[in-house]
Amino acid sequence: MLGFTSFVSQAQFNDGCDKEKTTNLSYLRCLDSKIVLEKRTANMWANKILLDLEKKQNETGNLQLLRVFKRAEQEFDKYVEDNCRWKYLNRLPDTIAAAIAFKRCELHSVQKHTEILKLQ
């Protein structure tokens, strides 16, 4: 049985990689591809919001809107890195379990962030 089985069985969200859990490498690759796709979707929504805020800024003269949104996006990236890093470190010295923990955390965080961006 693979080293991540007990960790995965405690999953609180569906990472979409069930078929790739046969090997650690295929599972990690699947998570990587899901992260790339989810980040692309989040960036699309963030860009839409940026365009809307630029328009509103030009109409109202409110210079804070765009600045605060951009800062929030940058801070989110820092938050994800730190939040997932402690989960990675907590799984060491098992580097496979640590990598899986980090990637699952990142995927879940970006998925939730995308959901929030869509609500705007």
N, C-alpha and C. Protein backbone atom coordinates (compact mmCIF):
# COMPACT_ATOMS: atom_id res chain seq x y z
N MET A 1 0.85 -1.18 0.00
CA MET A 1 0.00 0.00 0.00
C MET A 1 0.89 1.23 0.00
N LEU A 2 0.47 2.26 -0.69
CA LEU A 2 1.26 3.48 -0.81
C LEU A 2 1.26 4.26 0.50
N GLY A 3 2.31 5.05 0.68
CA GLY A 3 2.50 5.80 1.92
C GLY A 3 1.46 6.86 2.19
N PHE A 4 0.78 7.32 1.16
CA PHE A 4 -0.18 8.40 1.37
C PHE A 4 -1.60 7.91 1.61
N THR A 5 -1.81 6.64 1.64
CA THR A 5 -3.16 6.10 1.75
C THR A 5 -3.89 6.59 2.99
N SER A 6 -3.26 6.54 4.16
CA SER A 6 -3.95 6.97 5.37
C SER A 6 -4.21 8.46 5.34
N PHE A 7 -3.30 9.21 4.75
CA PHE A 7 -3.50 10.65 4.64
C PHE A 7 -4.66 10.96 3.71
N VAL A 8 -4.70 10.30 2.57
CA VAL A 8 -5.74 10.55 1.59
C VAL A 8 -7.10 10.14 2.12
N SER A 9 -7.15 9.07 2.91
CA SER A 9 -8.44 8.61 3.41
C SER A 9 -9.09 9.65 4.34
N GLN A 10 -8.29 10.56 4.85
CA GLN A 10 -8.81 11.61 5.72
C GLN A 10 -9.16 12.87 4.95
N ALA A 11 -9.15 12.80 3.63
CA ALA A 11 -9.36 13.98 2.79
C ALA A 11 -10.70 14.62 3.08
N GLN A 12 -10.71 15.93 3.04
CA GLN A 12 -11.95 16.66 3.27
C GLN A 12 -12.50 17.25 1.98
N PHE A 13 -11.81 17.05 0.89
CA PHE A 13 -12.31 17.52 -0.40
C PHE A 13 -11.83 16.56 -1.48
N ASN A 14 -12.52 16.57 -2.61
CA ASN A 14 -12.17 15.69 -3.71
C ASN A 14 -11.16 16.41 -4.60
N ASP A 15 -9.93 15.91 -4.65
CA ASP A 15 -8.89 16.56 -5.45
C ASP A 15 -8.96 16.19 -6.92
N GLY A 16 -9.85 15.27 -7.29
CA GLY A 16 -10.02 14.90 -8.69
C GLY A 16 -8.95 13.98 -9.23
N CYS A 17 -8.15 13.41 -8.36
CA CYS A 17 -7.04 12.54 -8.81
C CYS A 17 -7.20 11.10 -8.34
N ASP A 18 -8.41 10.65 -8.15
CA ASP A 18 -8.63 9.28 -7.65
C ASP A 18 -8.00 8.21 -8.52
N LYS A 19 -8.09 8.36 -9.83
CA LYS A 19 -7.55 7.34 -10.75
C LYS A 19 -6.02 7.31 -10.75
N GLU A 20 -5.39 8.41 -10.33
CA GLU A 20 -3.94 8.50 -10.37
C GLU A 20 -3.27 8.11 -9.04
N LYS A 21 -4.03 7.65 -8.08
CA LYS A 21 -3.47 7.31 -6.77
C LYS A 21 -2.77 5.96 -6.74
N THR A 22 -2.61 5.35 -7.90
CA THR A 22 -1.95 4.04 -7.95
C THR A 22 -0.46 4.14 -7.65
N THR A 23 0.16 5.26 -8.02
CA THR A 23 1.57 5.48 -7.69
C THR A 23 1.74 6.90 -7.17
N ASN A 24 2.74 7.08 -6.34
CA ASN A 24 3.01 8.42 -5.80
C ASN A 24 3.29 9.42 -6.91
N LEU A 25 4.10 9.02 -7.89
CA LEU A 25 4.49 9.93 -8.96
C LEU A 25 3.29 10.36 -9.80
N SER A 26 2.44 9.43 -10.16
CA SER A 26 1.27 9.80 -10.97
C SER A 26 0.32 10.68 -10.16
N TYR A 27 0.20 10.42 -8.89
CA TYR A 27 -0.66 11.24 -8.04
C TYR A 27 -0.11 12.66 -7.91
N LEU A 28 1.19 12.78 -7.69
CA LEU A 28 1.80 14.11 -7.60
C LEU A 28 1.66 14.88 -8.91
N ARG A 29 1.84 14.20 -10.02
CA ARG A 29 1.68 14.84 -11.33
C ARG A 29 0.24 15.31 -11.54
N CYS A 30 -0.70 14.49 -11.13
CA CYS A 30 -2.11 14.87 -11.25
C CYS A 30 -2.39 16.11 -10.41
N LEU A 31 -1.91 16.12 -9.18
CA LEU A 31 -2.11 17.29 -8.33
C LEU A 31 -1.49 18.53 -8.96
N ASP A 32 -0.30 18.38 -9.51
CA ASP A 32 0.35 19.52 -10.18
C ASP A 32 -0.51 20.06 -11.32
N SER A 33 -1.04 19.16 -12.12
CA SER A 33 -1.85 19.62 -13.27
C SER A 33 -3.14 20.28 -12.79
N LYS A 34 -3.74 19.76 -11.72
CA LYS A 34 -4.96 20.36 -11.18
C LYS A 34 -4.66 21.76 -10.61
N ILE A 35 -3.51 21.90 -9.96
CA ILE A 35 -3.11 23.20 -9.42
C ILE A 35 -2.94 24.22 -10.54
N VAL A 36 -2.27 23.82 -11.62
CA VAL A 36 -2.07 24.72 -12.76
C VAL A 36 -3.41 25.17 -13.33
N LEU A 37 -4.32 24.24 -13.53
CA LEU A 37 -5.63 24.58 -14.09
C LEU A 37 -6.42 25.48 -13.15
N GLU A 38 -6.37 25.18 -11.87
CA GLU A 38 -7.12 25.98 -10.90
C GLU A 38 -6.54 27.39 -10.78
N LYS A 39 -5.22 27.49 -10.83
CA LYS A 39 -4.59 28.83 -10.78
C LYS A 39 -4.96 29.63 -12.03
N ARG A 40 -5.03 28.97 -13.15
CA ARG A 40 -5.42 29.65 -14.39
C ARG A 40 -6.84 30.20 -14.27
N THR A 41 -7.72 29.39 -13.70
CA THR A 41 -9.11 29.84 -13.51
C THR A 41 -9.17 31.00 -12.53
N ALA A 42 -8.44 30.90 -11.44
CA ALA A 42 -8.42 31.99 -10.45
C ALA A 42 -7.87 33.27 -11.08
N ASN A 43 -6.82 33.15 -11.88
CA ASN A 43 -6.25 34.33 -12.54
C ASN A 43 -7.24 34.97 -13.51
N MET A 44 -8.02 34.13 -14.18
CA MET A 44 -9.03 34.65 -15.09
C MET A 44 -10.04 35.51 -14.32
N TRP A 45 -10.51 35.00 -13.20
CA TRP A 45 -11.47 35.73 -12.39
C TRP A 45 -10.85 36.98 -11.78
N ALA A 46 -9.61 36.87 -11.34
CA ALA A 46 -8.93 38.04 -10.77
C ALA A 46 -8.75 39.12 -11.83
N ASN A 47 -8.42 38.73 -13.06
CA ASN A 47 -8.28 39.70 -14.14
C ASN A 47 -9.60 40.38 -14.46
N LYS A 48 -10.68 39.62 -14.42
CA LYS A 48 -12.00 40.21 -14.64
C LYS A 48 -12.29 41.26 -13.58
N ILE A 49 -11.99 40.91 -12.33
CA ILE A 49 -12.23 41.86 -11.24
C ILE A 49 -11.33 43.09 -11.41
N LEU A 50 -10.08 42.87 -11.79
CA LEU A 50 -9.17 44.00 -12.02
C LEU A 50 -9.74 44.96 -13.08
N LEU A 51 -10.23 44.41 -14.17
CA LEU A 51 -10.81 45.26 -15.22
C LEU A 51 -12.02 46.03 -14.70
N ASP A 52 -12.86 45.35 -13.94
CA ASP A 52 -14.04 46.02 -13.36
C ASP A 52 -13.62 47.12 -12.38
N LEU A 53 -12.60 46.85 -11.58
CA LEU A 53 -12.15 47.85 -10.61
C LEU A 53 -11.45 49.02 -11.29
N GLU A 54 -10.72 48.75 -12.36
CA GLU A 54 -10.09 49.84 -13.12
C GLU A 54 -11.16 50.76 -13.70
N LYS A 55 -12.20 50.16 -14.23
CA LYS A 55 -13.31 50.94 -14.79
C LYS A 55 -13.96 51.79 -13.70
N LYS A 56 -14.21 51.16 -12.58
CA LYS A 56 -14.86 51.89 -11.48
C LYS A 56 -13.93 52.98 -10.94
N GLN A 57 -12.64 52.68 -10.88
CA GLN A 57 -11.67 53.67 -10.42
C GLN A 57 -11.67 54.89 -11.35
N ASN A 58 -11.73 54.65 -12.65
CA ASN A 58 -11.77 55.75 -13.62
C ASN A 58 -13.05 56.55 -13.52
N GLU A 59 -14.15 55.88 -13.19
CA GLU A 59 -15.44 56.56 -13.08
C GLU A 59 -15.56 57.35 -11.79
N THR A 60 -15.02 56.80 -10.70
CA THR A 60 -15.24 57.42 -9.39
C THR A 60 -14.03 58.18 -8.85
N GLY A 61 -12.86 57.87 -9.36
CA GLY A 61 -11.65 58.50 -8.83
C GLY A 61 -11.16 57.84 -7.55
N ASN A 62 -11.79 56.75 -7.14
CA ASN A 62 -11.38 56.04 -5.92
C ASN A 62 -10.13 55.21 -6.23
N LEU A 63 -8.99 55.68 -5.76
CA LEU A 63 -7.71 55.03 -6.05
C LEU A 63 -7.41 53.85 -5.13
N GLN A 64 -8.20 53.68 -4.10
CA GLN A 64 -7.94 52.60 -3.14
C GLN A 64 -8.41 51.24 -3.63
N LEU A 65 -9.46 51.21 -4.40
CA LEU A 65 -10.05 49.94 -4.84
C LEU A 65 -9.01 49.01 -5.45
N LEU A 66 -8.35 49.47 -6.46
CA LEU A 66 -7.40 48.64 -7.19
C LEU A 66 -6.20 48.27 -6.32
N ARG A 67 -5.71 49.22 -5.59
CA ARG A 67 -4.55 48.99 -4.72
C ARG A 67 -4.84 47.92 -3.68
N VAL A 68 -5.99 48.02 -3.05
CA VAL A 68 -6.35 47.06 -2.00
C VAL A 68 -6.58 45.67 -2.58
N PHE A 69 -7.23 45.59 -3.74
CA PHE A 69 -7.44 44.28 -4.36
C PHE A 69 -6.12 43.63 -4.72
N LYS A 70 -5.22 44.39 -5.34
CA LYS A 70 -3.91 43.84 -5.71
C LYS A 70 -3.15 43.36 -4.49
N ARG A 71 -3.21 44.14 -3.41
CA ARG A 71 -2.53 43.74 -2.18
C ARG A 71 -3.15 42.46 -1.61
N ALA A 72 -4.45 42.37 -1.66
CA ALA A 72 -5.13 41.16 -1.16
C ALA A 72 -4.70 39.93 -1.94
N GLU A 73 -4.57 40.06 -3.25
CA GLU A 73 -4.13 38.94 -4.08
C GLU A 73 -2.70 38.53 -3.73
N GLN A 74 -1.83 39.50 -3.53
CA GLN A 74 -0.44 39.20 -3.16
C GLN A 74 -0.37 38.54 -1.78
N GLU A 75 -1.15 39.05 -0.85
CA GLU A 75 -1.16 38.48 0.50
C GLU A 75 -1.75 37.07 0.50
N PHE A 76 -2.71 36.82 -0.38
CA PHE A 76 -3.27 35.48 -0.47
C PHE A 76 -2.19 34.49 -0.88
N ASP A 77 -1.40 34.86 -1.87
CA ASP A 77 -0.31 33.97 -2.31
C ASP A 77 0.66 33.67 -1.17
N LYS A 78 0.98 34.67 -0.38
CA LYS A 78 1.88 34.47 0.77
C LYS A 78 1.21 33.57 1.82
N TYR A 79 -0.08 33.79 2.04
CA TYR A 79 -0.81 32.98 3.00
C TYR A 79 -0.80 31.51 2.59
N VAL A 80 -1.09 31.24 1.32
CA VAL A 80 -1.12 29.85 0.85
C VAL A 80 0.25 29.20 1.04
N GLU A 81 1.29 29.90 0.67
CA GLU A 81 2.64 29.35 0.81
C GLU A 81 2.93 28.98 2.27
N ASP A 82 2.65 29.88 3.20
CA ASP A 82 2.93 29.61 4.61
C ASP A 82 1.98 28.57 5.20
N ASN A 83 0.71 28.66 4.85
CA ASN A 83 -0.27 27.72 5.38
C ASN A 83 0.03 26.29 4.93
N CYS A 84 0.45 26.14 3.69
CA CYS A 84 0.75 24.81 3.17
C CYS A 84 2.14 24.35 3.59
N ARG A 85 3.04 25.28 3.80
CA ARG A 85 4.40 24.93 4.20
C ARG A 85 4.41 24.24 5.56
N TRP A 86 3.62 24.73 6.53
CA TRP A 86 3.65 24.07 7.85
C TRP A 86 3.08 22.66 7.74
N LYS A 87 2.14 22.45 6.83
CA LYS A 87 1.60 21.10 6.64
C LYS A 87 2.64 20.19 6.01
N TYR A 88 3.42 20.75 5.12
CA TYR A 88 4.55 20.02 4.52
C TYR A 88 5.55 19.63 5.61
N LEU A 89 5.96 20.59 6.39
CA LEU A 89 6.96 20.34 7.43
C LEU A 89 6.46 19.34 8.48
N ASN A 90 5.19 19.38 8.75
CA ASN A 90 4.60 18.47 9.74
C ASN A 90 4.66 17.01 9.29
N ARG A 91 4.70 16.77 7.97
CA ARG A 91 4.74 15.41 7.43
C ARG A 91 6.16 14.86 7.28
N LEU A 92 7.16 15.72 7.39
CA LEU A 92 8.55 15.24 7.29
C LEU A 92 8.87 14.31 8.44
N PRO A 93 9.70 13.33 8.29
CA PRO A 93 10.67 13.13 7.21
C PRO A 93 10.12 12.36 6.01
N ASP A 94 8.85 12.03 5.99
CA ASP A 94 8.26 11.35 4.83
C ASP A 94 8.04 12.38 3.72
N THR A 95 9.00 12.49 2.81
CA THR A 95 8.94 13.55 1.80
C THR A 95 7.79 13.38 0.82
N ILE A 96 7.39 12.17 0.56
CA ILE A 96 6.26 11.94 -0.35
C ILE A 96 4.97 12.43 0.30
N ALA A 97 4.75 12.04 1.53
CA ALA A 97 3.55 12.50 2.25
C ALA A 97 3.57 14.01 2.41
N ALA A 98 4.76 14.57 2.65
CA ALA A 98 4.89 16.02 2.80
C ALA A 98 4.54 16.73 1.50
N ALA A 99 5.04 16.23 0.38
CA ALA A 99 4.74 16.84 -0.91
C ALA A 99 3.25 16.76 -1.23
N ILE A 100 2.65 15.62 -0.93
CA ILE A 100 1.22 15.45 -1.17
C ILE A 100 0.42 16.41 -0.29
N ALA A 101 0.81 16.53 0.97
CA ALA A 101 0.11 17.45 1.88
C ALA A 101 0.18 18.88 1.35
N PHE A 102 1.36 19.29 0.91
CA PHE A 102 1.52 20.66 0.40
C PHE A 102 0.66 20.88 -0.84
N LYS A 103 0.72 19.96 -1.78
CA LYS A 103 -0.01 20.13 -3.03
C LYS A 103 -1.53 20.08 -2.83
N ARG A 104 -1.98 19.20 -1.96
CA ARG A 104 -3.42 19.14 -1.67
C ARG A 104 -3.88 20.43 -0.99
N CYS A 105 -3.07 20.93 -0.09
CA CYS A 105 -3.38 22.19 0.59
C CYS A 105 -3.45 23.33 -0.42
N GLU A 106 -2.46 23.39 -1.30
CA GLU A 106 -2.43 24.45 -2.31
C GLU A 106 -3.65 24.35 -3.23
N LEU A 107 -3.95 23.16 -3.70
CA LEU A 107 -5.10 22.97 -4.58
C LEU A 107 -6.40 23.39 -3.89
N HIS A 108 -6.58 22.94 -2.68
CA HIS A 108 -7.80 23.27 -1.94
C HIS A 108 -7.90 24.77 -1.72
N SER A 109 -6.79 25.41 -1.36
CA SER A 109 -6.78 26.86 -1.11
C SER A 109 -7.14 27.64 -2.37
N VAL A 110 -6.55 27.25 -3.49
CA VAL A 110 -6.81 27.96 -4.74
C VAL A 110 -8.26 27.72 -5.19
N GLN A 111 -8.77 26.50 -4.98
CA GLN A 111 -10.17 26.23 -5.33
C GLN A 111 -11.11 27.14 -4.54
N LYS A 112 -10.87 27.26 -3.25
CA LYS A 112 -11.72 28.11 -2.40
C LYS A 112 -11.59 29.57 -2.81
N HIS A 113 -10.37 29.99 -3.13
CA HIS A 113 -10.14 31.36 -3.56
C HIS A 113 -10.90 31.65 -4.86
N THR A 114 -10.88 30.70 -5.78
CA THR A 114 -11.61 30.86 -7.03
C THR A 114 -13.09 31.02 -6.77
N GLU A 115 -13.64 30.22 -5.87
CA GLU A 115 -15.05 30.33 -5.52
C GLU A 115 -15.38 31.72 -4.99
N ILE A 116 -14.49 32.27 -4.18
CA ILE A 116 -14.71 33.61 -3.63
C ILE A 116 -14.64 34.66 -4.72
N LEU A 117 -13.66 34.53 -5.62
CA LEU A 117 -13.54 35.49 -6.71
C LEU A 117 -14.77 35.47 -7.60
N LYS A 118 -15.35 34.30 -7.82
CA LYS A 118 -16.54 34.19 -8.67
C LYS A 118 -17.75 34.91 -8.08
N LEU A 119 -17.76 35.10 -6.77
CA LEU A 119 -18.90 35.76 -6.11
C LEU A 119 -18.90 37.27 -6.30
N GLN A 120 -17.80 37.82 -6.76
CA GLN A 120 -17.70 39.28 -6.89
C GLN A 120 -18.53 39.82 -8.00
